[in-house]
Every structure is written in C-alpha cells, then in structure tokens.
Amino acid sequence: TSDDLSMLHATWHPTQPWLITAGADGTIALFTY
C-alpha cells in the first residue's frame, strides 16, 4: 500500500445510515451511525 493512498473512496448509502469505504489495500469497511 502506498503511503499516499490509504482510502480510495467513501460513500453514504442513499437510504440507510451507512458509510462504505474502500481502501488502497483492498479492504472494504461499513460504518453505521
């Protein structure tokens, strides 16, 4: 993983309270609020 690219994308779900992120190392994470 490059030091300059830790998170490539983050988006909110349109109808649910979810934040979805994609990392440069291939990980996908789901956060709720």
N, C-alpha and C. Protein backbone atom coordinates (compact mmCIF):
# COMPACT_ATOMS: atom_id res chain seq x y z
N THR A 1 0.84 -1.18 0.00
CA THR A 1 0.00 0.00 0.00
C THR A 1 0.88 1.24 0.00
N SER A 2 0.56 2.16 -0.85
CA SER A 2 1.29 3.42 -0.89
C SER A 2 0.93 4.28 0.31
N ASP A 3 1.90 5.00 0.82
CA ASP A 3 1.64 5.91 1.94
C ASP A 3 0.70 7.04 1.54
N ASP A 4 0.62 7.33 0.23
CA ASP A 4 -0.22 8.42 -0.25
C ASP A 4 -1.66 7.99 -0.49
N LEU A 5 -1.93 6.68 -0.50
CA LEU A 5 -3.27 6.18 -0.83
C LEU A 5 -3.75 5.23 0.26
N SER A 6 -4.34 5.76 1.30
CA SER A 6 -4.85 4.87 2.34
C SER A 6 -6.33 4.57 2.12
N MET A 7 -7.12 5.56 1.73
CA MET A 7 -8.53 5.35 1.44
C MET A 7 -8.80 5.87 0.04
N LEU A 8 -9.38 5.02 -0.80
CA LEU A 8 -9.62 5.40 -2.19
C LEU A 8 -11.00 5.99 -2.42
N HIS A 9 -11.99 5.55 -1.63
CA HIS A 9 -13.35 6.02 -1.87
C HIS A 9 -14.19 5.88 -0.61
N ALA A 10 -15.11 6.80 -0.42
CA ALA A 10 -16.08 6.72 0.67
C ALA A 10 -17.41 7.24 0.14
N THR A 11 -18.48 6.55 0.49
CA THR A 11 -19.81 6.97 0.02
C THR A 11 -20.86 6.63 1.06
N TRP A 12 -21.89 7.46 1.13
CA TRP A 12 -23.04 7.19 2.00
C TRP A 12 -24.06 6.38 1.24
N HIS A 13 -24.70 5.44 1.90
CA HIS A 13 -25.82 4.70 1.32
C HIS A 13 -26.98 5.68 1.17
N PRO A 14 -27.74 5.62 0.08
CA PRO A 14 -28.79 6.62 -0.15
C PRO A 14 -29.97 6.56 0.84
N THR A 15 -30.26 5.40 1.42
CA THR A 15 -31.43 5.32 2.30
C THR A 15 -31.13 4.76 3.69
N GLN A 16 -29.94 4.24 3.89
CA GLN A 16 -29.56 3.66 5.18
C GLN A 16 -28.47 4.52 5.82
N PRO A 17 -28.31 4.46 7.14
CA PRO A 17 -27.28 5.25 7.82
C PRO A 17 -25.91 4.57 7.77
N TRP A 18 -25.44 4.29 6.56
CA TRP A 18 -24.20 3.54 6.37
C TRP A 18 -23.19 4.37 5.58
N LEU A 19 -21.95 4.32 6.03
CA LEU A 19 -20.82 4.87 5.28
C LEU A 19 -19.97 3.69 4.84
N ILE A 20 -19.72 3.59 3.55
CA ILE A 20 -18.94 2.48 2.99
C ILE A 20 -17.64 3.06 2.45
N THR A 21 -16.51 2.44 2.83
CA THR A 21 -15.21 2.91 2.37
C THR A 21 -14.46 1.79 1.67
N ALA A 22 -13.58 2.18 0.75
CA ALA A 22 -12.70 1.24 0.06
C ALA A 22 -11.26 1.71 0.25
N GLY A 23 -10.41 0.81 0.71
CA GLY A 23 -9.02 1.16 0.97
C GLY A 23 -8.10 0.71 -0.14
N ALA A 24 -6.93 1.34 -0.20
CA ALA A 24 -5.93 1.01 -1.21
C ALA A 24 -5.39 -0.41 -1.04
N ASP A 25 -5.54 -0.97 0.17
CA ASP A 25 -5.05 -2.32 0.41
C ASP A 25 -6.11 -3.39 0.08
N GLY A 26 -7.23 -2.98 -0.50
CA GLY A 26 -8.27 -3.92 -0.91
C GLY A 26 -9.36 -4.15 0.12
N THR A 27 -9.31 -3.45 1.24
CA THR A 27 -10.33 -3.64 2.26
C THR A 27 -11.56 -2.78 1.98
N ILE A 28 -12.70 -3.30 2.37
CA ILE A 28 -13.96 -2.56 2.31
C ILE A 28 -14.50 -2.53 3.74
N ALA A 29 -14.95 -1.36 4.18
CA ALA A 29 -15.47 -1.21 5.54
C ALA A 29 -16.85 -0.58 5.50
N LEU A 30 -17.69 -1.00 6.43
CA LEU A 30 -19.04 -0.46 6.57
C LEU A 30 -19.16 0.13 7.97
N PHE A 31 -19.51 1.40 8.03
CA PHE A 31 -19.70 2.10 9.30
C PHE A 31 -21.15 2.53 9.40
N THR A 32 -21.72 2.45 10.60
CA THR A 32 -23.09 2.90 10.82
C THR A 32 -23.08 4.03 11.83
N TYR A 33 -24.12 4.85 11.74
CA TYR A 33 -24.25 5.93 12.72
C TYR A 33 -25.65 5.97 13.27
